[in-house]
C-alpha atoms as a PDB file:
ATOM      1  CA  UNK A   1      33.627 -35.041  72.695  1.00  0.00           C
ATOM      2  CA  UNK A   2      37.352 -34.078  73.058  1.00  0.00           C
ATOM      3  CA  UNK A   3      39.294 -36.784  72.530  1.00  0.00           C
ATOM      4  CA  UNK A   4      41.438 -37.174  75.547  1.00  0.00           C
ATOM      5  CA  UNK A   5      45.305 -38.431  74.913  1.00  0.00           C
ATOM      6  CA  UNK A   6      47.952 -40.417  77.256  1.00  0.00           C
ATOM      7  CA  UNK A   7      51.772 -41.124  76.820  1.00  0.00           C
ATOM      8  CA  UNK A   8      54.064 -43.718  77.635  1.00  0.00           C
ATOM      9  CA  UNK A   9      56.818 -43.222  81.053  1.00  0.00           C
ATOM     10  CA  UNK A  10      59.238 -45.268  80.050  1.00  0.00           C
ATOM     11  CA  UNK A  11      60.299 -44.979  83.830  1.00  0.00           C
ATOM     12  CA  UNK A  12      57.596 -45.241  85.320  1.00  0.00           C
ATOM     13  CA  UNK A  13      56.377 -48.651  83.383  1.00  0.00           C
ATOM     14  CA  UNK A  14      52.945 -46.322  82.731  1.00  0.00           C
ATOM     15  CA  UNK A  15      50.582 -44.263  80.546  1.00  0.00           C
ATOM     16  CA  UNK A  16      50.155 -40.641  81.819  1.00  0.00           C
ATOM     17  CA  UNK A  17      47.768 -38.301  80.571  1.00  0.00           C
ATOM     18  CA  UNK A  18      49.327 -35.612  78.040  1.00  0.00           C
ATOM     19  CA  UNK A  19      47.597 -31.801  79.732  1.00  0.00           C
ATOM     20  CA  UNK A  20      47.332 -29.862  76.518  1.00  0.00           C
ATOM     21  CA  UNK A  21      48.535 -26.485  77.244  1.00  0.00           C
ATOM     22  CA  UNK A  22      47.480 -23.147  76.191  1.00  0.00           C
ATOM     23  CA  UNK A  23      48.695 -22.728  73.071  1.00  0.00           C
ATOM     24  CA  UNK A  24      47.956 -26.492  71.783  1.00  0.00           C
ATOM     25  CA  UNK A  25      45.091 -26.026  72.809  1.00  0.00           C
ATOM     26  CA  UNK A  26      44.768 -22.640  70.208  1.00  0.00           C
ATOM     27  CA  UNK A  27      46.591 -24.488  67.708  1.00  0.00           C
ATOM     28  CA  UNK A  28      44.225 -27.513  67.875  1.00  0.00           C
ATOM     29  CA  UNK A  29      41.023 -24.684  67.163  1.00  0.00           C
ATOM     30  CA  UNK A  30      42.942 -22.737  65.072  1.00  0.00           C
ATOM     31  CA  UNK A  31      43.230 -25.483  62.754  1.00  0.00           C
ATOM     32  CA  UNK A  32      39.427 -26.915  63.044  1.00  0.00           C
ATOM     33  CA  UNK A  33      37.760 -24.066  62.171  1.00  0.00           C
ATOM     34  CA  UNK A  34      40.427 -23.901  58.880  1.00  0.00           C
ATOM     35  CA  UNK A  35      39.501 -27.140  57.574  1.00  0.00           C
ATOM     36  CA  UNK A  36      35.877 -25.946  58.475  1.00  0.00           C
ATOM     37  CA  UNK A  37      35.997 -23.377  56.321  1.00  0.00           C
ATOM     38  CA  UNK A  38      38.009 -24.470  54.189  1.00  0.00           C
ATOM     39  CA  UNK A  39      35.310 -27.616  53.483  1.00  0.00           C
ATOM     40  CA  UNK A  40      32.511 -24.935  53.679  1.00  0.00           C
ATOM     41  CA  UNK A  41      33.555 -22.504  50.737  1.00  0.00           C
ATOM     42  CA  UNK A  42      34.567 -25.810  48.353  1.00  0.00           C
ATOM     43  CA  UNK A  43      30.772 -26.225  49.479  1.00  0.00           C
ATOM     44  CA  UNK A  44      29.481 -23.451  48.157  1.00  0.00           C
ATOM     45  CA  UNK A  45      31.496 -22.874  45.046  1.00  0.00           C
ATOM     46  CA  UNK A  46      30.071 -26.530  44.626  1.00  0.00           C
ATOM     47  CA  UNK A  47      26.635 -25.436  46.006  1.00  0.00           C
ATOM     48  CA  UNK A  48      26.734 -22.153  43.616  1.00  0.00           C
ATOM     49  CA  UNK A  49      28.653 -24.202  40.600  1.00  0.00           C
ATOM     50  CA  UNK A  50      26.152 -26.479  39.921  1.00  0.00           C
ATOM     51  CA  UNK A  51      22.610 -24.493  40.983  1.00  0.00           C
ATOM     52  CA  UNK A  52      23.367 -21.041  40.873  1.00  0.00           C
ATOM     53  CA  UNK A  53      22.498 -18.707  43.654  1.00  0.00           C
ATOM     54  CA  UNK A  54      18.968 -17.893  44.331  1.00  0.00           C
ATOM     55  CA  UNK A  55      19.752 -14.505  42.679  1.00  0.00           C
ATOM     56  CA  UNK A  56      21.049 -16.266  39.937  1.00  0.00           C
ATOM     57  CA  UNK A  57      18.158 -18.833  39.972  1.00  0.00           C
ATOM     58  CA  UNK A  58      15.904 -15.915  39.618  1.00  0.00           C
ATOM     59  CA  UNK A  59      17.204 -13.844  37.390  1.00  0.00           C
ATOM     60  CA  UNK A  60      17.283 -17.611  34.821  1.00  0.00           C
ATOM     61  CA  UNK A  61      13.574 -17.866  35.171  1.00  0.00           C
ATOM     62  CA  UNK A  62      13.312 -13.593  34.336  1.00  0.00           C
ATOM     63  CA  UNK A  63      15.420 -14.817  31.491  1.00  0.00           C
ATOM     64  CA  UNK A  64      13.173 -17.816  30.127  1.00  0.00           C
ATOM     65  CA  UNK A  65       9.843 -15.316  30.437  1.00  0.00           C
ATOM     66  CA  UNK A  66      11.018 -12.827  28.570  1.00  0.00           C
ATOM     67  CA  UNK A  67      12.409 -14.799  25.994  1.00  0.00           C
ATOM     68  CA  UNK A  68       8.839 -16.913  26.020  1.00  0.00           C
ATOM     69  CA  UNK A  69       6.599 -13.324  25.397  1.00  0.00           C
ATOM     70  CA  UNK A  70       9.300 -12.420  23.283  1.00  0.00           C
ATOM     71  CA  UNK A  71       8.143 -15.450  20.956  1.00  0.00           C
ATOM     72  CA  UNK A  72       4.462 -14.476  21.939  1.00  0.00           C
ATOM     73  CA  UNK A  73       4.917 -10.810  20.937  1.00  0.00           C
ATOM     74  CA  UNK A  74       6.732 -12.513  17.401  1.00  0.00           C
ATOM     75  CA  UNK A  75       3.651 -14.824  16.305  1.00  0.00           C
ATOM     76  CA  UNK A  76       0.932 -11.985  17.358  1.00  0.00           C
ATOM     77  CA  UNK A  77       3.244  -9.513  15.207  1.00  0.00           C
ATOM     78  CA  UNK A  78       3.021 -11.688  12.207  1.00  0.00           C
ATOM     79  CA  UNK A  79      -0.893 -11.997  12.807  1.00  0.00           C
ATOM     80  CA  UNK A  80      -0.968  -8.225  12.620  1.00  0.00           C
ATOM     81  CA  UNK A  81       1.019  -7.912   9.846  1.00  0.00           C
ATOM     82  CA  UNK A  82      -1.108 -10.685   7.646  1.00  0.00           C
ATOM     83  CA  UNK A  83      -4.390  -8.119   8.454  1.00  0.00           C
ATOM     84  CA  UNK A  84      -2.299  -4.986   7.732  1.00  0.00           C
ATOM     85  CA  UNK A  85      -1.048  -6.891   4.549  1.00  0.00           C
ATOM     86  CA  UNK A  86      -4.925  -7.502   3.515  1.00  0.00           C
ATOM     87  CA  UNK A  87      -6.205  -3.954   4.383  1.00  0.00           C
ATOM     88  CA  UNK A  88      -3.524  -2.788   1.861  1.00  0.00           C
ATOM     89  CA  UNK A  89      -4.722  -4.682  -0.757  1.00  0.00           C
ATOM     90  CA  UNK A  90      -8.414  -3.980  -0.333  1.00  0.00           C
ATOM     91  CA  UNK A  91      -7.073  -0.376  -0.605  1.00  0.00           C
ATOM     92  CA  UNK A  92      -4.941  -0.872  -3.418  1.00  0.00           C
ATOM     93  CA  UNK A  93      -7.192  -3.257  -5.490  1.00  0.00           C
ATOM     94  CA  UNK A  94     -10.742  -2.288  -3.946  1.00  0.00           C
ATOM     95  CA  UNK A  95     -11.594   1.042  -3.307  1.00  0.00           C
ATOM     96  CA  UNK A  96      -8.535   2.742  -4.930  1.00  0.00           C
ATOM     97  CA  UNK A  97     -10.245   1.225  -8.262  1.00  0.00           C
ATOM     98  CA  UNK A  98     -13.617   1.993  -7.321  1.00  0.00           C
ATOM     99  CA  UNK A  99     -12.613   5.712  -6.877  1.00  0.00           C
ATOM    100  CA  UNK A 100     -10.689   5.093 -10.152  1.00  0.00           C
ATOM    101  CA  UNK A 101      -6.720   6.457  -8.466  1.00  0.00           C
ATOM    102  CA  UNK A 102      -3.441   4.623  -8.226  1.00  0.00           C
ATOM    103  CA  UNK A 103      -2.737   2.511  -5.796  1.00  0.00           C
ATOM    104  CA  UNK A 104       0.108   3.382  -3.341  1.00  0.00           C
ATOM    105  CA  UNK A 105       3.585   2.032  -4.868  1.00  0.00           C
ATOM    106  CA  UNK A 106       5.190  -0.464  -2.904  1.00  0.00           C
ATOM    107  CA  UNK A 107       8.245   1.896  -2.562  1.00  0.00           C
ATOM    108  CA  UNK A 108       6.524   4.087  -0.544  1.00  0.00           C
ATOM    109  CA  UNK A 109       4.621   1.209   1.573  1.00  0.00           C
ATOM    110  CA  UNK A 110       7.569  -1.020   2.122  1.00  0.00           C
ATOM    111  CA  UNK A 111       9.924   2.330   2.662  1.00  0.00           C
ATOM    112  CA  UNK A 112      12.785   1.899   5.264  1.00  0.00           C
ATOM    113  CA  UNK A 113      14.462   4.050   7.472  1.00  0.00           C
ATOM    114  CA  UNK A 114      17.635   6.224   7.108  1.00  0.00           C
ATOM    115  CA  UNK A 115      20.217   6.923   8.625  1.00  0.00           C
ATOM    116  CA  UNK A 116      22.719   6.079  11.887  1.00  0.00           C
ATOM    117  CA  UNK A 117      22.048   2.804  13.297  1.00  0.00           C
ATOM    118  CA  UNK A 118      18.714   2.621  15.324  1.00  0.00           C
ATOM    119  CA  UNK A 119      19.202  -0.758  17.049  1.00  0.00           C
ATOM    120  CA  UNK A 120      23.083  -0.395  17.875  1.00  0.00           C
ATOM    121  CA  UNK A 121      22.010  -0.278  21.940  1.00  0.00           C
ATOM    122  CA  UNK A 122      20.782  -3.807  21.696  1.00  0.00           C
ATOM    123  CA  UNK A 123      23.999  -5.608  19.921  1.00  0.00           C
ATOM    124  CA  UNK A 124      25.417  -6.305  23.548  1.00  0.00           C
ATOM    125  CA  UNK A 125      22.193  -7.535  24.836  1.00  0.00           C
ATOM    126  CA  UNK A 126      21.646 -11.165  25.458  1.00  0.00           C
ATOM    127  CA  UNK A 127      19.591 -12.540  22.619  1.00  0.00           C
ATOM    128  CA  UNK A 128      19.924  -9.477  21.237  1.00  0.00           C
ATOM    129  CA  UNK A 129      19.440 -10.195  17.893  1.00  0.00           C
ATOM    130  CA  UNK A 130      15.385 -12.046  19.103  1.00  0.00           C
ATOM    131  CA  UNK A 131      15.558  -8.519  20.945  1.00  0.00           C
ATOM    132  CA  UNK A 132      16.678  -6.380  16.914  1.00  0.00           C
ATOM    133  CA  UNK A 133      14.331  -8.074  14.711  1.00  0.00           C
ATOM    134  CA  UNK A 134      10.888  -8.555  17.517  1.00  0.00           C
ATOM    135  CA  UNK A 135      12.373  -4.007  17.911  1.00  0.00           C
ATOM    136  CA  UNK A 136      12.436  -4.081  13.172  1.00  0.00           C
ATOM    137  CA  UNK A 137       8.874  -5.838  12.859  1.00  0.00           C
ATOM    138  CA  UNK A 138       7.140  -2.980  15.302  1.00  0.00           C
ATOM    139  CA  UNK A 139       9.136  -0.292  13.590  1.00  0.00           C
ATOM    140  CA  UNK A 140       7.540  -2.019   9.958  1.00  0.00           C
ATOM    141  CA  UNK A 141       3.981  -2.638  11.339  1.00  0.00           C
ATOM    142  CA  UNK A 142       3.907   0.930  12.886  1.00  0.00           C
ATOM    143  CA  UNK A 143       5.761   2.714   9.575  1.00  0.00           C
ATOM    144  CA  UNK A 144       2.546   0.556   6.776  1.00  0.00           C
ATOM    145  CA  UNK A 145      -0.085   1.490   9.717  1.00  0.00           C
ATOM    146  CA  UNK A 146       1.043   5.162   8.958  1.00  0.00           C
ATOM    147  CA  UNK A 147       1.122   5.252   5.210  1.00  0.00           C
ATOM    148  CA  UNK A 148      -2.525   3.025   5.234  1.00  0.00           C
ATOM    149  CA  UNK A 149      -3.780   5.617   7.519  1.00  0.00           C
ATOM    150  CA  UNK A 150      -2.365   8.051   5.757  1.00  0.00           C
ATOM    151  CA  UNK A 151      -4.309   6.359   2.498  1.00  0.00           C
ATOM    152  CA  UNK A 152      -7.333   5.846   3.948  1.00  0.00           C
ATOM    153  CA  UNK A 153      -7.551   9.386   4.810  1.00  0.00           C
ATOM    154  CA  UNK A 154      -6.887  10.198   0.896  1.00  0.00           C
ATOM    155  CA  UNK A 155      -9.850   7.063   0.151  1.00  0.00           C
ATOM    156  CA  UNK A 156     -12.267   9.881   2.905  1.00  0.00           C
ATOM    157  CA  UNK A 157     -11.315  12.545   0.908  1.00  0.00           C
ATOM    158  CA  UNK A 158     -12.717  10.653  -2.319  1.00  0.00           C
ATOM    159  CA  UNK A 159     -15.892   9.140  -1.042  1.00  0.00           C
ATOM    160  CA  UNK A 160     -17.271  12.459  -0.282  1.00  0.00           C
ATOM    161  CA  UNK A 161     -16.132  13.404  -3.690  1.00  0.00           C
ATOM    162  CA  UNK A 162     -18.179  10.425  -5.327  1.00  0.00           C
ATOM    163  CA  UNK A 163     -20.988  12.129  -6.196  1.00  0.00           C
ATOM    164  CA  UNK A 164     -19.506  15.336  -7.361  1.00  0.00           C
ATOM    165  CA  UNK A 165     -16.964  12.593  -9.706  1.00  0.00           C
ATOM    166  CA  UNK A 166     -20.396  10.142 -11.224  1.00  0.00           C
ATOM    167  CA  UNK A 167     -21.248  13.371 -12.475  1.00  0.00           C
ATOM    168  CA  UNK A 168     -18.198  14.391 -14.203  1.00  0.00           C
ATOM    169  CA  UNK A 169     -17.050  11.026 -15.353  1.00  0.00           C
ATOM    170  CA  UNK A 170     -18.050  11.007 -18.808  1.00  0.00           C
ATOM    171  CA  UNK A 171     -21.651   8.688 -19.298  1.00  0.00           C
ATOM    172  CA  UNK A 172     -23.584   9.967 -22.486  1.00  0.00           C
ATOM    173  CA  UNK A 173     -22.934   9.934 -26.084  1.00  0.00           C
ATOM    174  CA  UNK A 174     -22.312  13.554 -27.186  1.00  0.00           C
ATOM    175  CA  UNK A 175     -25.346  13.303 -30.005  1.00  0.00           C
ATOM    176  CA  UNK A 176     -28.744  12.100 -29.350  1.00  0.00           C
ATOM    177  CA  UNK A 177     -29.283   8.594 -31.468  1.00  0.00           C
ATOM    178  CA  UNK A 178     -31.545   6.212 -31.819  1.00  0.00           C
ATOM    179  CA  UNK A 179     -30.032   4.281 -34.777  1.00  0.00           C
ATOM    180  CA  UNK A 180     -26.765   2.378 -34.384  1.00  0.00           C
ATOM    181  CA  UNK A 181     -25.711   2.508 -38.286  1.00  0.00           C
ATOM    182  CA  UNK A 182     -25.113   6.283 -37.141  1.00  0.00           C
ATOM    183  CA  UNK A 183     -22.563   5.274 -36.302  1.00  0.00           C
ATOM    184  CA  UNK A 184     -19.640   5.504 -38.691  1.00  0.00           C
ATOM    185  CA  UNK A 185     -16.207   3.996 -37.304  1.00  0.00           C
ATOM    186  CA  UNK A 186     -15.435   3.109 -34.288  1.00  0.00           C
ATOM    187  CA  UNK A 187     -12.160   3.461 -31.433  1.00  0.00           C
ATOM    188  CA  UNK A 188      -8.806   1.234 -32.828  1.00  0.00           C
ATOM    189  CA  UNK A 189      -6.508   0.364 -36.007  1.00  0.00           C
ATOM    190  CA  UNK A 190      -9.144   1.694 -39.298  1.00  0.00           C
ATOM    191  CA  UNK A 191      -8.535   2.863 -42.984  1.00  0.00           C
ATOM    192  CA  UNK A 192      -7.907   6.385 -42.974  1.00  0.00           C
ATOM    193  CA  UNK A 193     -10.447   8.245 -45.151  1.00  0.00           C
ATOM    194  CA  UNK A 194      -7.728  10.339 -47.417  1.00  0.00           C
ATOM    195  CA  UNK A 195      -4.516   8.937 -47.050  1.00  0.00           C
ATOM    196  CA  UNK A 196      -5.649   5.718 -47.759  1.00  0.00           C
ATOM    197  CA  UNK A 197      -3.835   4.514 -45.130  1.00  0.00           C
ATOM    198  CA  UNK A 198      -4.286   2.094 -42.173  1.00  0.00           C
ATOM    199  CA  UNK A 199      -4.331   4.863 -39.161  1.00  0.00           C
ATOM    200  CA  UNK A 200      -5.457   4.463 -35.431  1.00  0.00           C
ATOM    201  CA  UNK A 201      -8.487   6.121 -34.673  1.00  0.00           C
ATOM    202  CA  UNK A 202      -8.475   7.930 -31.279  1.00  0.00           C
ATOM    203  CA  UNK A 203     -11.840   8.080 -30.623  1.00  0.00           C
ATOM    204  CA  UNK A 204     -15.464   7.356 -31.867  1.00  0.00           C
ATOM    205  CA  UNK A 205     -17.211   8.898 -35.028  1.00  0.00           C
ATOM    206  CA  UNK A 206     -21.009  10.300 -35.288  1.00  0.00           C
ATOM    207  CA  UNK A 207     -22.879  10.906 -38.805  1.00  0.00           C
ATOM    208  CA  UNK A 208     -25.683  13.480 -38.752  1.00  0.00           C
ATOM    209  CA  UNK A 209     -27.106  16.489 -40.349  1.00  0.00           C
ATOM    210  CA  UNK A 210     -25.313  20.084 -39.901  1.00  0.00           C
ATOM    211  CA  UNK A 211     -26.573  21.578 -36.969  1.00  0.00           C
ATOM    212  CA  UNK A 212     -26.938  18.352 -34.938  1.00  0.00           C
ATOM    213  CA  UNK A 213     -27.130  19.568 -31.348  1.00  0.00           C
ATOM    214  CA  UNK A 214     -23.918  17.749 -29.649  1.00  0.00           C
ATOM    215  CA  UNK A 215     -24.588  17.810 -26.036  1.00  0.00           C
ATOM    216  CA  UNK A 216     -21.117  17.413 -22.658  1.00  0.00           C
ATOM    217  CA  UNK A 217     -20.998  13.579 -21.448  1.00  0.00           C
ATOM    218  CA  UNK A 218     -19.865  15.346 -18.003  1.00  0.00           C
ATOM    219  CA  UNK A 219     -19.781  17.470 -15.927  1.00  0.00           C
ATOM    220  CA  UNK A 220     -16.641  19.921 -16.440  1.00  0.00           C
ATOM    221  CA  UNK A 221     -14.988  23.036 -17.714  1.00  0.00           C
ATOM    222  CA  UNK A 222     -13.873  24.198 -20.921  1.00  0.00           C
ATOM    223  CA  UNK A 223     -10.216  24.949 -21.788  1.00  0.00           C
ATOM    224  CA  UNK A 224     -10.186  24.168 -25.226  1.00  0.00           C
ATOM    225  CA  UNK A 225     -12.626  26.558 -27.748  1.00  0.00           C
ATOM    226  CA  UNK A 226     -10.652  27.389 -31.402  1.00  0.00           C
ATOM    227  CA  UNK A 227     -10.536  25.742 -34.722  1.00  0.00           C
ATOM    228  CA  UNK A 228      -7.019  23.142 -35.404  1.00  0.00           C
ATOM    229  CA  UNK A 229      -5.664  21.237 -38.308  1.00  0.00           C
ATOM    230  CA  UNK A 230      -7.247  18.202 -39.119  1.00  0.00           C
ATOM    231  CA  UNK A 231      -9.896  18.367 -36.156  1.00  0.00           C
ATOM    232  CA  UNK A 232     -11.708  21.185 -38.041  1.00  0.00           C
ATOM    233  CA  UNK A 233     -13.832  23.284 -34.876  1.00  0.00           C
ATOM    234  CA  UNK A 234     -12.578  21.618 -31.676  1.00  0.00           C
ATOM    235  CA  UNK A 235     -13.695  21.313 -27.773  1.00  0.00           C
ATOM    236  CA  UNK A 236     -11.880  20.435 -25.169  1.00  0.00           C
ATOM    237  CA  UNK A 237     -13.385  19.667 -21.912  1.00  0.00           C
ATOM    238  CA  UNK A 238     -11.967  19.230 -18.390  1.00  0.00           C
ATOM    239  CA  UNK A 239     -14.238  16.903 -16.017  1.00  0.00           C
ATOM    240  CA  UNK A 240     -11.717  16.214 -13.095  1.00  0.00           C
ATOM    241  CA  UNK A 241     -10.358  13.011 -11.988  1.00  0.00           C
ATOM    242  CA  UNK A 242      -8.177  12.221 -15.057  1.00  0.00           C
ATOM    243  CA  UNK A 243     -11.126  12.541 -17.757  1.00  0.00           C
ATOM    244  CA  UNK A 244     -11.215  15.217 -21.222  1.00  0.00           C
ATOM    245  CA  UNK A 245     -13.532  14.550 -23.617  1.00  0.00           C
ATOM    246  CA  UNK A 246     -12.970  16.236 -27.186  1.00  0.00           C
ATOM    247  CA  UNK A 247     -15.760  17.229 -29.834  1.00  0.00           C
ATOM    248  CA  UNK A 248     -14.443  17.374 -33.039  1.00  0.00           C
ATOM    249  CA  UNK A 249     -15.413  18.799 -36.950  1.00  0.00           C
ATOM    250  CA  UNK A 250     -17.767  21.364 -35.564  1.00  0.00           C
ATOM    251  CA  UNK A 251     -20.449  23.613 -37.046  1.00  0.00           C
ATOM    252  CA  UNK A 252     -19.620  26.059 -34.338  1.00  0.00           C
ATOM    253  CA  UNK A 253     -20.022  26.788 -30.922  1.00  0.00           C
ATOM    254  CA  UNK A 254     -22.663  27.642 -27.937  1.00  0.00           C
ATOM    255  CA  UNK A 255     -20.138  27.395 -24.692  1.00  0.00           C
ATOM    256  CA  UNK A 256     -16.963  30.113 -24.337  1.00  0.00           C
ATOM    257  CA  UNK A 257     -13.562  29.101 -22.991  1.00  0.00           C
ATOM    258  CA  UNK A 258     -13.394  28.964 -19.124  1.00  0.00           C
ATOM    259  CA  UNK A 259     -17.082  28.509 -18.756  1.00  0.00           C
ATOM    260  CA  UNK A 260     -18.617  25.246 -16.746  1.00  0.00           C
ATOM    261  CA  UNK A 261     -20.471  22.934 -18.609  1.00  0.00           C
ATOM    262  CA  UNK A 262     -23.434  20.157 -17.502  1.00  0.00           C
ATOM    263  CA  UNK A 263     -24.018  16.723 -18.282  1.00  0.00           C
ATOM    264  CA  UNK A 264     -26.338  16.892 -21.156  1.00  0.00           C
ATOM    265  CA  UNK A 265     -25.875  21.064 -21.913  1.00  0.00           C
ATOM    266  CA  UNK A 266     -25.745  21.619 -25.235  1.00  0.00           C
ATOM    267  CA  UNK A 267     -22.257  22.564 -25.684  1.00  0.00           C
ATOM    268  CA  UNK A 268     -21.642  23.052 -29.112  1.00  0.00           C
ATOM    269  CA  UNK A 269     -23.815  21.916 -33.198  1.00  0.00           C
ATOM    270  CA  UNK A 270     -22.045  18.715 -35.927  1.00  0.00           C
ATOM    271  CA  UNK A 271     -20.583  20.435 -38.694  1.00  0.00           C
ATOM    272  CA  UNK A 272     -18.121  18.861 -41.481  1.00  0.00           C
ATOM    273  CA  UNK A 273     -14.726  21.252 -40.602  1.00  0.00           C
ATOM    274  CA  UNK A 274     -11.092  19.997 -40.210  1.00  0.00           C
ATOM    275  CA  UNK A 275     -10.126  16.585 -41.971  1.00  0.00           C
ATOM    276  CA  UNK A 276     -13.959  15.689 -43.182  1.00  0.00           C
ATOM    277  CA  UNK A 277     -15.342  13.768 -45.981  1.00  0.00           C
ATOM    278  CA  UNK A 278     -19.182  14.132 -44.431  1.00  0.00           C
ATOM    279  CA  UNK A 279     -21.076  15.939 -41.804  1.00  0.00           C
ATOM    280  CA  UNK A 280     -19.982  13.908 -38.487  1.00  0.00           C
ATOM    281  CA  UNK A 281     -19.153  14.521 -34.501  1.00  0.00           C
ATOM    282  CA  UNK A 282     -16.047  13.175 -33.749  1.00  0.00           C
ATOM    283  CA  UNK A 283     -15.100  12.313 -30.086  1.00  0.00           C
ATOM    284  CA  UNK A 284     -12.648  11.486 -28.138  1.00  0.00           C
ATOM    285  CA  UNK A 285     -12.343   9.813 -24.358  1.00  0.00           C
ATOM    286  CA  UNK A 286      -8.786  10.627 -22.579  1.00  0.00           C
ATOM    287  CA  UNK A 287      -8.187   9.276 -19.368  1.00  0.00           C
ATOM    288  CA  UNK A 288      -4.425  10.622 -17.866  1.00  0.00           C
ATOM    289  CA  UNK A 289      -4.306  11.670 -21.281  1.00  0.00           C
ATOM    290  CA  UNK A 290      -4.220   9.053 -23.079  1.00  0.00           C
ATOM    291  CA  UNK A 291      -7.255   8.287 -25.606  1.00  0.00           C
ATOM    292  CA  UNK A 292      -9.306   5.449 -24.177  1.00  0.00           C
ATOM    293  CA  UNK A 293     -12.254   3.596 -26.738  1.00  0.00           C
ATOM    294  CA  UNK A 294     -15.546   5.565 -25.627  1.00  0.00           C
ATOM    295  CA  UNK A 295     -18.103   2.772 -26.129  1.00  0.00           C
ATOM    296  CA  UNK A 296     -17.369   2.526 -21.835  1.00  0.00           C
ATOM    297  CA  UNK A 297     -19.112   5.411 -21.373  1.00  0.00           C
ATOM    298  CA  UNK A 298     -22.181   5.390 -22.512  1.00  0.00           C
ATOM    299  CA  UNK A 299     -23.459   3.461 -20.019  1.00  0.00           C
ATOM    300  CA  UNK A 300     -26.636   6.546 -18.720  1.00  0.00           C
ATOM    301  CA  UNK A 301     -27.709   6.206 -22.010  1.00  0.00           C
ATOM    302  CA  UNK A 302     -27.587   2.375 -23.465  1.00  0.00           C
ATOM    303  CA  UNK A 303     -29.542  -1.296 -21.630  1.00  0.00           C
ATOM    304  CA  UNK A 304     -27.119  -4.150 -21.423  1.00  0.00           C
ATOM    305  CA  UNK A 305     -28.816  -5.052 -25.329  1.00  0.00           C
ATOM    306  CA  UNK A 306     -27.919  -1.927 -26.440  1.00  0.00           C
ATOM    307  CA  UNK A 307     -24.901  -2.471 -25.422  1.00  0.00           C
ATOM    308  CA  UNK A 308     -23.536  -4.895 -26.949  1.00  0.00           C
ATOM    309  CA  UNK A 309     -25.026  -3.974 -30.168  1.00  0.00           C
ATOM    310  CA  UNK A 310     -23.414  -0.764 -30.674  1.00  0.00           C
ATOM    311  CA  UNK A 311     -20.153  -2.083 -29.691  1.00  0.00           C
ATOM    312  CA  UNK A 312     -20.376  -5.340 -32.219  1.00  0.00           C
ATOM    313  CA  UNK A 313     -21.212  -2.020 -34.626  1.00  0.00           C
ATOM    314  CA  UNK A 314     -18.746  -0.446 -33.784  1.00  0.00           C
ATOM    315  CA  UNK A 315     -16.074  -3.324 -34.487  1.00  0.00           C
ATOM    316  CA  UNK A 316     -17.769  -3.922 -38.562  1.00  0.00           C
ATOM    317  CA  UNK A 317     -16.499   0.057 -38.893  1.00  0.00           C
ATOM    318  CA  UNK A 318     -13.760  -0.754 -41.162  1.00  0.00           C
ATOM    319  CA  UNK A 319     -12.941   3.524 -42.296  1.00  0.00           C
ATOM    320  CA  UNK A 320     -13.278   6.099 -40.582  1.00  0.00           C
ATOM    321  CA  UNK A 321     -14.692   9.645 -41.350  1.00  0.00           C
ATOM    322  CA  UNK A 322     -11.845  12.501 -40.900  1.00  0.00           C
END
């Protein structure tokens, strides 16, 4: 209810009611509206400043939810990376060892992406560090999974070639013997019988009578058949999978260069050619063009006890025949 204003009239010595004209009424209304507007604006500013608008509060909640989801995603990515690392270790240390394949180099597994910055479009986002680090993890895992998938493709091929590999790997002795006394020299450092100096012996020597059959120790292809200084008459068989075997000091051949041979097939005959002090065969096993101890590749011919006896006997032979 509007207040009534009175004004004292000294002539009548009484208070007279003041009647507001139209202009005064308009001014009073405008004053009330202005004060109300100012108060409303102040209240809105205070409300938005301290409590935010409904839209802002909604955006804040969405942002908090996104951060929580990114955090959870990072946790799941860490678990996935652990599983992938375990698969990589199994691949390198079990599967590839079984099939005698080289492990995948870490430079290949951990290779990054070259070129321009792939994450420049994310740098201006709020919480950009979290978003960029998450995207980097995803890219690294995707690259590792691709490499691992290609590796399993290789392992699948190895599995399919398993039987061929098992037939090709040298696995028997090159000469049929029942007496380990026919091993005249083992693999390793020995005194050379001719030069009388200490020299590394790259294979094993088996003595016997001239003309004794010599057998291919695994499936393969004869890549060399010729006479060579020191070795005398010599044969080299390429078995694939990085394996080669050498047969030297032969008396004669039973195969031709380029011929495919099977394990146990007679390829030559024991002799005394080249630098030799008596009838014997010099036998080598090479893996990736490096000689290795042949005694580890007689598992098809020997029992465990026989193998132990042969190892002991070969270790005690002190002089080569070639």
